[in-house]
């Protein structure tokens, strides 16, 4: 599985899983919301292991930028709140950083 697809899938699985807990604790949703939430979080963990990276820490670090951008998409699509220009700028900076971590040349001295 290509890394970008794994990252995007992992991000939305993590956000959905966490949102299930948010819904239960903060929005008064029934406790059964936790079941799909836990399944979604397990899917998130599995998808993150599919990333082509030489080390887990590097995969997780690069994932952070994708997670931030996906969270803003969730904010807009699911929660109905349009991100502002500062949200977009912050996400763009994070995605650039994630790209540097994920695609940067390895084995070269700075």
C-alpha atoms as a PDB file:
ATOM      1  CA  UNK A   1       0.000   0.000   0.000  1.00  0.00           C
ATOM      2  CA  UNK A   2       1.468   3.387  -0.911  1.00  0.00           C
ATOM      3  CA  UNK A   3       2.451   5.453   2.124  1.00  0.00           C
ATOM      4  CA  UNK A   4       0.170   8.383   1.281  1.00  0.00           C
ATOM      5  CA  UNK A   5      -2.920   6.140   1.121  1.00  0.00           C
ATOM      6  CA  UNK A   6      -1.933   4.445   4.393  1.00  0.00           C
ATOM      7  CA  UNK A   7      -1.448   7.816   6.081  1.00  0.00           C
ATOM      8  CA  UNK A   8      -4.755   9.231   4.860  1.00  0.00           C
ATOM      9  CA  UNK A   9      -6.643   6.075   5.815  1.00  0.00           C
ATOM     10  CA  UNK A  10      -4.946   5.983   9.213  1.00  0.00           C
ATOM     11  CA  UNK A  11      -5.764   9.627   9.851  1.00  0.00           C
ATOM     12  CA  UNK A  12      -9.467   9.264   9.169  1.00  0.00           C
ATOM     13  CA  UNK A  13      -9.633   5.978  11.105  1.00  0.00           C
ATOM     14  CA  UNK A  14      -7.971   7.625  14.114  1.00  0.00           C
ATOM     15  CA  UNK A  15     -10.150  10.718  13.944  1.00  0.00           C
ATOM     16  CA  UNK A  16     -13.325   8.630  13.616  1.00  0.00           C
ATOM     17  CA  UNK A  17     -12.281   6.446  16.539  1.00  0.00           C
ATOM     18  CA  UNK A  18     -11.465   9.403  18.736  1.00  0.00           C
ATOM     19  CA  UNK A  19     -14.658  11.165  17.679  1.00  0.00           C
ATOM     20  CA  UNK A  20     -16.644   8.153  18.882  1.00  0.00           C
ATOM     21  CA  UNK A  21     -15.169   8.674  22.350  1.00  0.00           C
ATOM     22  CA  UNK A  22     -15.767  12.440  22.068  1.00  0.00           C
ATOM     23  CA  UNK A  23     -19.369  11.751  21.138  1.00  0.00           C
ATOM     24  CA  UNK A  24     -19.878   9.443  24.096  1.00  0.00           C
ATOM     25  CA  UNK A  25     -18.172  11.666  26.670  1.00  0.00           C
ATOM     26  CA  UNK A  26     -18.957  15.153  25.392  1.00  0.00           C
ATOM     27  CA  UNK A  27     -22.054  14.868  23.210  1.00  0.00           C
ATOM     28  CA  UNK A  28     -24.065  12.390  25.270  1.00  0.00           C
ATOM     29  CA  UNK A  29     -24.064   9.624  22.664  1.00  0.00           C
ATOM     30  CA  UNK A  30     -24.782   6.070  23.847  1.00  0.00           C
ATOM     31  CA  UNK A  31     -21.956   3.893  25.156  1.00  0.00           C
ATOM     32  CA  UNK A  32     -22.230   1.558  22.137  1.00  0.00           C
ATOM     33  CA  UNK A  33     -20.539   4.332  20.108  1.00  0.00           C
ATOM     34  CA  UNK A  34     -17.325   3.034  21.671  1.00  0.00           C
ATOM     35  CA  UNK A  35     -17.497  -0.273  19.778  1.00  0.00           C
ATOM     36  CA  UNK A  36     -17.033   1.160  16.263  1.00  0.00           C
ATOM     37  CA  UNK A  37     -14.650   3.675  17.805  1.00  0.00           C
ATOM     38  CA  UNK A  38     -12.367   0.928  19.084  1.00  0.00           C
ATOM     39  CA  UNK A  39     -12.549  -0.932  15.767  1.00  0.00           C
ATOM     40  CA  UNK A  40     -11.635   2.280  13.990  1.00  0.00           C
ATOM     41  CA  UNK A  41      -8.664   2.853  16.304  1.00  0.00           C
ATOM     42  CA  UNK A  42      -7.436  -0.704  15.683  1.00  0.00           C
ATOM     43  CA  UNK A  43      -7.717  -0.057  11.925  1.00  0.00           C
ATOM     44  CA  UNK A  44      -5.720   3.134  12.420  1.00  0.00           C
ATOM     45  CA  UNK A  45      -2.899   1.235  14.130  1.00  0.00           C
ATOM     46  CA  UNK A  46      -2.844  -1.443  11.425  1.00  0.00           C
ATOM     47  CA  UNK A  47      -2.822   1.111   8.594  1.00  0.00           C
ATOM     48  CA  UNK A  48       0.086   2.973  10.150  1.00  0.00           C
ATOM     49  CA  UNK A  49       2.128  -0.245  10.075  1.00  0.00           C
ATOM     50  CA  UNK A  50       1.638  -0.341   6.289  1.00  0.00           C
ATOM     51  CA  UNK A  51       3.704   2.826   5.753  1.00  0.00           C
ATOM     52  CA  UNK A  52       6.959   2.276   3.913  1.00  0.00           C
ATOM     53  CA  UNK A  53       9.404   3.766   6.431  1.00  0.00           C
ATOM     54  CA  UNK A  54      12.688   2.524   7.837  1.00  0.00           C
ATOM     55  CA  UNK A  55      11.666   3.223  11.442  1.00  0.00           C
ATOM     56  CA  UNK A  56       8.395   3.459  13.336  1.00  0.00           C
ATOM     57  CA  UNK A  57       9.292   6.826  14.840  1.00  0.00           C
ATOM     58  CA  UNK A  58       9.874   8.308  11.388  1.00  0.00           C
ATOM     59  CA  UNK A  59       6.543   6.931  10.165  1.00  0.00           C
ATOM     60  CA  UNK A  60       4.767   8.426  13.192  1.00  0.00           C
ATOM     61  CA  UNK A  61       6.507  11.784  12.835  1.00  0.00           C
ATOM     62  CA  UNK A  62       5.530  12.146   9.180  1.00  0.00           C
ATOM     63  CA  UNK A  63       2.005  10.987  10.008  1.00  0.00           C
ATOM     64  CA  UNK A  64       1.560  13.985  12.293  1.00  0.00           C
ATOM     65  CA  UNK A  65       1.321  16.400   9.367  1.00  0.00           C
ATOM     66  CA  UNK A  66      -1.220  14.254   7.559  1.00  0.00           C
ATOM     67  CA  UNK A  67      -3.251  13.925  10.761  1.00  0.00           C
ATOM     68  CA  UNK A  68      -3.407  17.698  11.173  1.00  0.00           C
ATOM     69  CA  UNK A  69      -4.644  18.235   7.613  1.00  0.00           C
ATOM     70  CA  UNK A  70      -7.171  15.389   7.910  1.00  0.00           C
ATOM     71  CA  UNK A  71      -8.448  16.863  11.183  1.00  0.00           C
ATOM     72  CA  UNK A  72      -9.256  20.109   9.401  1.00  0.00           C
ATOM     73  CA  UNK A  73     -11.106  18.206   6.676  1.00  0.00           C
ATOM     74  CA  UNK A  74     -13.076  16.456   9.452  1.00  0.00           C
ATOM     75  CA  UNK A  75     -13.766  19.817  11.095  1.00  0.00           C
ATOM     76  CA  UNK A  76     -15.200  21.108   7.826  1.00  0.00           C
ATOM     77  CA  UNK A  77     -17.066  18.057   6.500  1.00  0.00           C
ATOM     78  CA  UNK A  78     -18.319  16.370   9.671  1.00  0.00           C
ATOM     79  CA  UNK A  79     -18.562  19.224  12.159  1.00  0.00           C
ATOM     80  CA  UNK A  80     -19.617  21.893   9.661  1.00  0.00           C
ATOM     81  CA  UNK A  81     -16.999  24.462  10.679  1.00  0.00           C
ATOM     82  CA  UNK A  82     -14.933  25.877   7.836  1.00  0.00           C
ATOM     83  CA  UNK A  83     -11.227  26.155   8.664  1.00  0.00           C
ATOM     84  CA  UNK A  84      -9.827  29.675   8.383  1.00  0.00           C
ATOM     85  CA  UNK A  85      -6.701  30.830   6.554  1.00  0.00           C
ATOM     86  CA  UNK A  86      -4.526  30.203   9.604  1.00  0.00           C
ATOM     87  CA  UNK A  87      -5.753  26.625   9.790  1.00  0.00           C
ATOM     88  CA  UNK A  88      -4.908  26.136   6.108  1.00  0.00           C
ATOM     89  CA  UNK A  89      -1.500  27.757   6.490  1.00  0.00           C
ATOM     90  CA  UNK A  90      -0.661  25.668   9.537  1.00  0.00           C
ATOM     91  CA  UNK A  91      -1.721  22.466   7.800  1.00  0.00           C
ATOM     92  CA  UNK A  92       0.353  23.347   4.720  1.00  0.00           C
ATOM     93  CA  UNK A  93       3.434  23.917   6.877  1.00  0.00           C
ATOM     94  CA  UNK A  94       2.873  20.585   8.612  1.00  0.00           C
ATOM     95  CA  UNK A  95       2.428  18.735   5.317  1.00  0.00           C
ATOM     96  CA  UNK A  96       5.667  20.192   3.996  1.00  0.00           C
ATOM     97  CA  UNK A  97       7.390  18.989   7.157  1.00  0.00           C
ATOM     98  CA  UNK A  98       5.844  15.542   6.807  1.00  0.00           C
ATOM     99  CA  UNK A  99       7.058  15.384   3.210  1.00  0.00           C
ATOM    100  CA  UNK A 100      10.590  16.282   4.245  1.00  0.00           C
ATOM    101  CA  UNK A 101      10.560  13.540   6.891  1.00  0.00           C
ATOM    102  CA  UNK A 102       9.020  10.917   4.622  1.00  0.00           C
ATOM    103  CA  UNK A 103      10.743  11.630   1.322  1.00  0.00           C
ATOM    104  CA  UNK A 104      14.027  13.243   2.369  1.00  0.00           C
ATOM    105  CA  UNK A 105      17.229  11.551   1.263  1.00  0.00           C
ATOM    106  CA  UNK A 106      18.732   9.275   3.889  1.00  0.00           C
ATOM    107  CA  UNK A 107      22.336   8.532   4.654  1.00  0.00           C
ATOM    108  CA  UNK A 108      23.677  11.991   3.792  1.00  0.00           C
ATOM    109  CA  UNK A 109      25.535  14.150   6.266  1.00  0.00           C
ATOM    110  CA  UNK A 110      24.035  17.615   6.721  1.00  0.00           C
END
